[in-house]
């Protein structure tokens, strides 16, 4: 659903850029004169204006940032919400992408393994998401651009009841979107 929303936003930006390009342009060429290259296809690529090309370029940069932000998860030790040095590095990279794309907001999802009660795991997932959120704020990300949610043990990344599966399920995931 979120991917469809991001794709829909990109399509909307493209359509708006196209609609803006359809407005009547005032020509700086005197009436009766022909501009050099007019009608010979040497203008903007595919009939798009510079503004439209720039909008497409920015939409593509934003799409790539959203994809990169969502790609890397961070992991936690058993019964912990402490960020590892590796997690801090991943979050620093995400913060740089968010700073470079100020129109993006971020949802931080806290997850747990299957051990513990549902209530405990929801609380632990929230502590993990909150620790992540607070670190991003320390890195200069506007708190109003961040949201957290805990899913506890409800959405395991890996099925199984062993340490290998549990380690992959103790995580925070990231969903970036355009405002």
C-alpha atoms as a PDB file:
ATOM      1  CA  UNK A   1       0.000   0.000   0.000  1.00  0.00           C
ATOM      2  CA  UNK A   2       2.822   2.421   0.897  1.00  0.00           C
ATOM      3  CA  UNK A   3       4.692   1.606  -2.322  1.00  0.00           C
ATOM      4  CA  UNK A   4       1.558   2.407  -4.284  1.00  0.00           C
ATOM      5  CA  UNK A   5       1.288   5.699  -2.382  1.00  0.00           C
ATOM      6  CA  UNK A   6       4.889   6.658  -3.208  1.00  0.00           C
ATOM      7  CA  UNK A   7       4.399   5.632  -6.827  1.00  0.00           C
ATOM      8  CA  UNK A   8       1.157   7.616  -6.954  1.00  0.00           C
ATOM      9  CA  UNK A   9       2.967  10.656  -5.569  1.00  0.00           C
ATOM     10  CA  UNK A  10       5.650  10.378  -8.234  1.00  0.00           C
ATOM     11  CA  UNK A  11       2.976  10.104 -10.934  1.00  0.00           C
ATOM     12  CA  UNK A  12       1.182  13.129  -9.436  1.00  0.00           C
ATOM     13  CA  UNK A  13       4.400  15.193  -9.446  1.00  0.00           C
ATOM     14  CA  UNK A  14       5.003  14.190 -13.046  1.00  0.00           C
ATOM     15  CA  UNK A  15       1.421  15.075 -14.064  1.00  0.00           C
ATOM     16  CA  UNK A  16       1.631  18.430 -12.307  1.00  0.00           C
ATOM     17  CA  UNK A  17       4.907  19.132 -14.041  1.00  0.00           C
ATOM     18  CA  UNK A  18       3.323  18.217 -17.366  1.00  0.00           C
ATOM     19  CA  UNK A  19       0.282  20.415 -16.683  1.00  0.00           C
ATOM     20  CA  UNK A  20       2.540  23.337 -15.798  1.00  0.00           C
ATOM     21  CA  UNK A  21       4.362  22.846 -19.081  1.00  0.00           C
ATOM     22  CA  UNK A  22       1.120  23.074 -21.033  1.00  0.00           C
ATOM     23  CA  UNK A  23       0.473  26.676 -20.055  1.00  0.00           C
ATOM     24  CA  UNK A  24       0.943  29.273 -22.777  1.00  0.00           C
ATOM     25  CA  UNK A  25       4.505  30.521 -23.002  1.00  0.00           C
ATOM     26  CA  UNK A  26       5.298  34.086 -23.957  1.00  0.00           C
ATOM     27  CA  UNK A  27       7.735  34.132 -26.834  1.00  0.00           C
ATOM     28  CA  UNK A  28      10.656  36.517 -26.853  1.00  0.00           C
ATOM     29  CA  UNK A  29      10.847  36.209 -30.641  1.00  0.00           C
ATOM     30  CA  UNK A  30       9.229  39.118 -32.515  1.00  0.00           C
ATOM     31  CA  UNK A  31       6.078  38.336 -34.525  1.00  0.00           C
ATOM     32  CA  UNK A  32       6.883  37.044 -37.986  1.00  0.00           C
ATOM     33  CA  UNK A  33      10.460  36.058 -37.067  1.00  0.00           C
ATOM     34  CA  UNK A  34      11.521  32.481 -36.473  1.00  0.00           C
ATOM     35  CA  UNK A  35      13.689  31.481 -33.579  1.00  0.00           C
ATOM     36  CA  UNK A  36      16.840  29.586 -34.366  1.00  0.00           C
ATOM     37  CA  UNK A  37      16.134  25.882 -33.999  1.00  0.00           C
ATOM     38  CA  UNK A  38      12.366  26.365 -33.631  1.00  0.00           C
ATOM     39  CA  UNK A  39      10.519  23.272 -34.797  1.00  0.00           C
ATOM     40  CA  UNK A  40      13.684  21.314 -35.494  1.00  0.00           C
ATOM     41  CA  UNK A  41      13.515  19.193 -32.357  1.00  0.00           C
ATOM     42  CA  UNK A  42      16.585  20.802 -30.803  1.00  0.00           C
ATOM     43  CA  UNK A  43      14.609  22.116 -27.797  1.00  0.00           C
ATOM     44  CA  UNK A  44      14.130  20.420 -24.436  1.00  0.00           C
ATOM     45  CA  UNK A  45      14.327  16.638 -24.345  1.00  0.00           C
ATOM     46  CA  UNK A  46      11.110  15.040 -25.592  1.00  0.00           C
ATOM     47  CA  UNK A  47       9.272  18.360 -25.585  1.00  0.00           C
ATOM     48  CA  UNK A  48       9.682  18.817 -21.827  1.00  0.00           C
ATOM     49  CA  UNK A  49      10.613  22.190 -20.416  1.00  0.00           C
ATOM     50  CA  UNK A  50      13.600  22.717 -18.157  1.00  0.00           C
ATOM     51  CA  UNK A  51      11.212  23.015 -15.222  1.00  0.00           C
ATOM     52  CA  UNK A  52       9.590  19.695 -16.076  1.00  0.00           C
ATOM     53  CA  UNK A  53      12.945  17.979 -16.449  1.00  0.00           C
ATOM     54  CA  UNK A  54      14.037  19.390 -13.093  1.00  0.00           C
ATOM     55  CA  UNK A  55      10.804  18.191 -11.444  1.00  0.00           C
ATOM     56  CA  UNK A  56      11.394  14.711 -12.874  1.00  0.00           C
ATOM     57  CA  UNK A  57      14.998  14.741 -11.673  1.00  0.00           C
ATOM     58  CA  UNK A  58      13.960  15.787  -8.160  1.00  0.00           C
ATOM     59  CA  UNK A  59      11.173  13.182  -8.068  1.00  0.00           C
ATOM     60  CA  UNK A  60      13.696  10.495  -9.045  1.00  0.00           C
ATOM     61  CA  UNK A  61      16.159  11.637  -6.365  1.00  0.00           C
ATOM     62  CA  UNK A  62      13.339  11.540  -3.806  1.00  0.00           C
ATOM     63  CA  UNK A  63      12.254   8.071  -4.960  1.00  0.00           C
ATOM     64  CA  UNK A  64      15.812   6.786  -4.602  1.00  0.00           C
ATOM     65  CA  UNK A  65      16.114   8.320  -1.116  1.00  0.00           C
ATOM     66  CA  UNK A  66      12.838   6.682  -0.032  1.00  0.00           C
ATOM     67  CA  UNK A  67      14.075   3.339  -1.334  1.00  0.00           C
ATOM     68  CA  UNK A  68      17.479   3.652   0.358  1.00  0.00           C
ATOM     69  CA  UNK A  69      16.001   4.773   3.686  1.00  0.00           C
ATOM     70  CA  UNK A  70      13.687   1.758   3.725  1.00  0.00           C
ATOM     71  CA  UNK A  71      16.350  -0.733   2.649  1.00  0.00           C
ATOM     72  CA  UNK A  72      18.495  -0.950   5.770  1.00  0.00           C
ATOM     73  CA  UNK A  73      17.101  -2.205   9.076  1.00  0.00           C
ATOM     74  CA  UNK A  74      18.820  -1.954  12.428  1.00  0.00           C
ATOM     75  CA  UNK A  75      19.000  -4.811  14.917  1.00  0.00           C
ATOM     76  CA  UNK A  76      18.942  -5.075  18.709  1.00  0.00           C
ATOM     77  CA  UNK A  77      20.273  -7.481  21.303  1.00  0.00           C
ATOM     78  CA  UNK A  78      17.882  -9.651  23.293  1.00  0.00           C
ATOM     79  CA  UNK A  79      15.641  -7.626  25.621  1.00  0.00           C
ATOM     80  CA  UNK A  80      17.441  -4.390  24.678  1.00  0.00           C
ATOM     81  CA  UNK A  81      16.735  -1.082  23.030  1.00  0.00           C
ATOM     82  CA  UNK A  82      20.396   0.011  23.002  1.00  0.00           C
ATOM     83  CA  UNK A  83      21.718   1.132  19.620  1.00  0.00           C
ATOM     84  CA  UNK A  84      24.886  -0.610  18.443  1.00  0.00           C
ATOM     85  CA  UNK A  85      27.709   1.256  16.722  1.00  0.00           C
ATOM     86  CA  UNK A  86      26.586  -0.346  13.444  1.00  0.00           C
ATOM     87  CA  UNK A  87      23.009   0.862  14.050  1.00  0.00           C
ATOM     88  CA  UNK A  88      24.269   4.387  14.733  1.00  0.00           C
ATOM     89  CA  UNK A  89      26.136   4.367  11.418  1.00  0.00           C
ATOM     90  CA  UNK A  90      23.025   3.199   9.526  1.00  0.00           C
ATOM     91  CA  UNK A  91      20.944   5.893  11.243  1.00  0.00           C
ATOM     92  CA  UNK A  92      23.550   8.550  10.411  1.00  0.00           C
ATOM     93  CA  UNK A  93      23.248   7.631   6.723  1.00  0.00           C
ATOM     94  CA  UNK A  94      19.442   7.795   6.936  1.00  0.00           C
ATOM     95  CA  UNK A  95      19.675  11.194   8.650  1.00  0.00           C
ATOM     96  CA  UNK A  96      21.836  12.542   5.813  1.00  0.00           C
ATOM     97  CA  UNK A  97      19.278  11.361   3.262  1.00  0.00           C
ATOM     98  CA  UNK A  98      16.452  12.955   5.252  1.00  0.00           C
ATOM     99  CA  UNK A  99      18.369  16.245   5.496  1.00  0.00           C
ATOM    100  CA  UNK A 100      19.035  16.205   1.751  1.00  0.00           C
ATOM    101  CA  UNK A 101      15.317  15.547   1.095  1.00  0.00           C
ATOM    102  CA  UNK A 102      13.415  17.837   3.490  1.00  0.00           C
ATOM    103  CA  UNK A 103      10.036  16.902   1.965  1.00  0.00           C
ATOM    104  CA  UNK A 104      10.352  13.393   3.390  1.00  0.00           C
ATOM    105  CA  UNK A 105       8.956  12.136   6.673  1.00  0.00           C
ATOM    106  CA  UNK A 106       9.818   8.867   8.375  1.00  0.00           C
ATOM    107  CA  UNK A 107       7.928   6.166  10.236  1.00  0.00           C
ATOM    108  CA  UNK A 108      10.119   4.083  12.567  1.00  0.00           C
ATOM    109  CA  UNK A 109       8.685   0.631  13.303  1.00  0.00           C
ATOM    110  CA  UNK A 110       9.821  -1.272  16.396  1.00  0.00           C
ATOM    111  CA  UNK A 111       9.766  -5.088  16.243  1.00  0.00           C
ATOM    112  CA  UNK A 112      10.541  -7.938  18.657  1.00  0.00           C
ATOM    113  CA  UNK A 113      11.068 -11.669  18.567  1.00  0.00           C
ATOM    114  CA  UNK A 114       8.344 -14.047  19.742  1.00  0.00           C
ATOM    115  CA  UNK A 115       9.631 -14.459  23.300  1.00  0.00           C
ATOM    116  CA  UNK A 116       7.759 -12.560  26.010  1.00  0.00           C
ATOM    117  CA  UNK A 117       4.123 -11.559  26.319  1.00  0.00           C
ATOM    118  CA  UNK A 118       2.362  -9.505  23.688  1.00  0.00           C
ATOM    119  CA  UNK A 119       2.177  -6.541  26.070  1.00  0.00           C
ATOM    120  CA  UNK A 120       5.872  -6.746  26.946  1.00  0.00           C
ATOM    121  CA  UNK A 121       6.891  -7.012  23.295  1.00  0.00           C
ATOM    122  CA  UNK A 122       4.722  -4.043  22.307  1.00  0.00           C
ATOM    123  CA  UNK A 123       6.414  -1.970  25.018  1.00  0.00           C
ATOM    124  CA  UNK A 124       9.890  -3.189  24.011  1.00  0.00           C
ATOM    125  CA  UNK A 125       9.170  -2.476  20.337  1.00  0.00           C
ATOM    126  CA  UNK A 126       8.136   1.050  21.305  1.00  0.00           C
ATOM    127  CA  UNK A 127      11.339   1.544  23.325  1.00  0.00           C
ATOM    128  CA  UNK A 128      13.360   0.412  20.301  1.00  0.00           C
ATOM    129  CA  UNK A 129      11.509   2.774  17.976  1.00  0.00           C
ATOM    130  CA  UNK A 130      11.822   5.599  20.544  1.00  0.00           C
ATOM    131  CA  UNK A 131      15.605   5.079  20.923  1.00  0.00           C
ATOM    132  CA  UNK A 132      15.910   5.238  17.151  1.00  0.00           C
ATOM    133  CA  UNK A 133      13.731   8.354  16.975  1.00  0.00           C
ATOM    134  CA  UNK A 134      15.737  10.111  19.690  1.00  0.00           C
ATOM    135  CA  UNK A 135      19.034   9.353  17.945  1.00  0.00           C
ATOM    136  CA  UNK A 136      17.709  10.775  14.664  1.00  0.00           C
ATOM    137  CA  UNK A 137      16.583  13.929  16.500  1.00  0.00           C
ATOM    138  CA  UNK A 138      20.088  14.218  18.013  1.00  0.00           C
ATOM    139  CA  UNK A 139      21.434  14.060  14.452  1.00  0.00           C
ATOM    140  CA  UNK A 140      19.321  17.094  13.541  1.00  0.00           C
ATOM    141  CA  UNK A 141      16.168  15.568  12.091  1.00  0.00           C
ATOM    142  CA  UNK A 142      13.062  17.617  12.864  1.00  0.00           C
ATOM    143  CA  UNK A 143      10.942  15.633  15.324  1.00  0.00           C
ATOM    144  CA  UNK A 144       7.796  16.665  13.440  1.00  0.00           C
ATOM    145  CA  UNK A 145       9.071  14.631  10.463  1.00  0.00           C
ATOM    146  CA  UNK A 146       9.285  11.455  12.556  1.00  0.00           C
ATOM    147  CA  UNK A 147       6.687   9.014  13.865  1.00  0.00           C
ATOM    148  CA  UNK A 148       7.069   5.746  15.734  1.00  0.00           C
ATOM    149  CA  UNK A 149       4.978   2.616  16.039  1.00  0.00           C
ATOM    150  CA  UNK A 150       5.513  -0.706  17.757  1.00  0.00           C
ATOM    151  CA  UNK A 151       4.403  -3.947  16.200  1.00  0.00           C
ATOM    152  CA  UNK A 152       5.880  -6.094  18.962  1.00  0.00           C
ATOM    153  CA  UNK A 153       6.134  -9.653  17.675  1.00  0.00           C
ATOM    154  CA  UNK A 154       3.261  -9.352  15.178  1.00  0.00           C
ATOM    155  CA  UNK A 155       5.319  -9.104  11.963  1.00  0.00           C
ATOM    156  CA  UNK A 156       8.357 -11.352  12.145  1.00  0.00           C
ATOM    157  CA  UNK A 157      10.949 -10.868   9.419  1.00  0.00           C
ATOM    158  CA  UNK A 158      11.939 -14.528   9.718  1.00  0.00           C
ATOM    159  CA  UNK A 159       9.824 -17.482  10.833  1.00  0.00           C
ATOM    160  CA  UNK A 160      11.391 -19.784  13.366  1.00  0.00           C
ATOM    161  CA  UNK A 161      12.005 -20.345  17.056  1.00  0.00           C
ATOM    162  CA  UNK A 162      15.770 -20.238  17.236  1.00  0.00           C
ATOM    163  CA  UNK A 163      18.443 -17.605  17.893  1.00  0.00           C
ATOM    164  CA  UNK A 164      19.076 -16.999  14.188  1.00  0.00           C
ATOM    165  CA  UNK A 165      15.401 -16.145  13.542  1.00  0.00           C
ATOM    166  CA  UNK A 166      15.022 -14.202  16.793  1.00  0.00           C
ATOM    167  CA  UNK A 167      18.075 -12.033  15.983  1.00  0.00           C
ATOM    168  CA  UNK A 168      16.504 -10.993  12.650  1.00  0.00           C
ATOM    169  CA  UNK A 169      13.175 -10.200  14.322  1.00  0.00           C
ATOM    170  CA  UNK A 170      14.633  -7.834  16.964  1.00  0.00           C
ATOM    171  CA  UNK A 171      14.748  -4.823  14.692  1.00  0.00           C
ATOM    172  CA  UNK A 172      13.596  -1.387  13.639  1.00  0.00           C
ATOM    173  CA  UNK A 173      12.354  -0.834  10.104  1.00  0.00           C
ATOM    174  CA  UNK A 174      11.864   2.447   8.262  1.00  0.00           C
ATOM    175  CA  UNK A 175       9.144   3.729   5.952  1.00  0.00           C
ATOM    176  CA  UNK A 176       9.915   7.086   4.346  1.00  0.00           C
ATOM    177  CA  UNK A 177       7.272   9.038   2.466  1.00  0.00           C
ATOM    178  CA  UNK A 178       6.868  12.431   0.852  1.00  0.00           C
ATOM    179  CA  UNK A 179       4.820  14.971   2.779  1.00  0.00           C
END
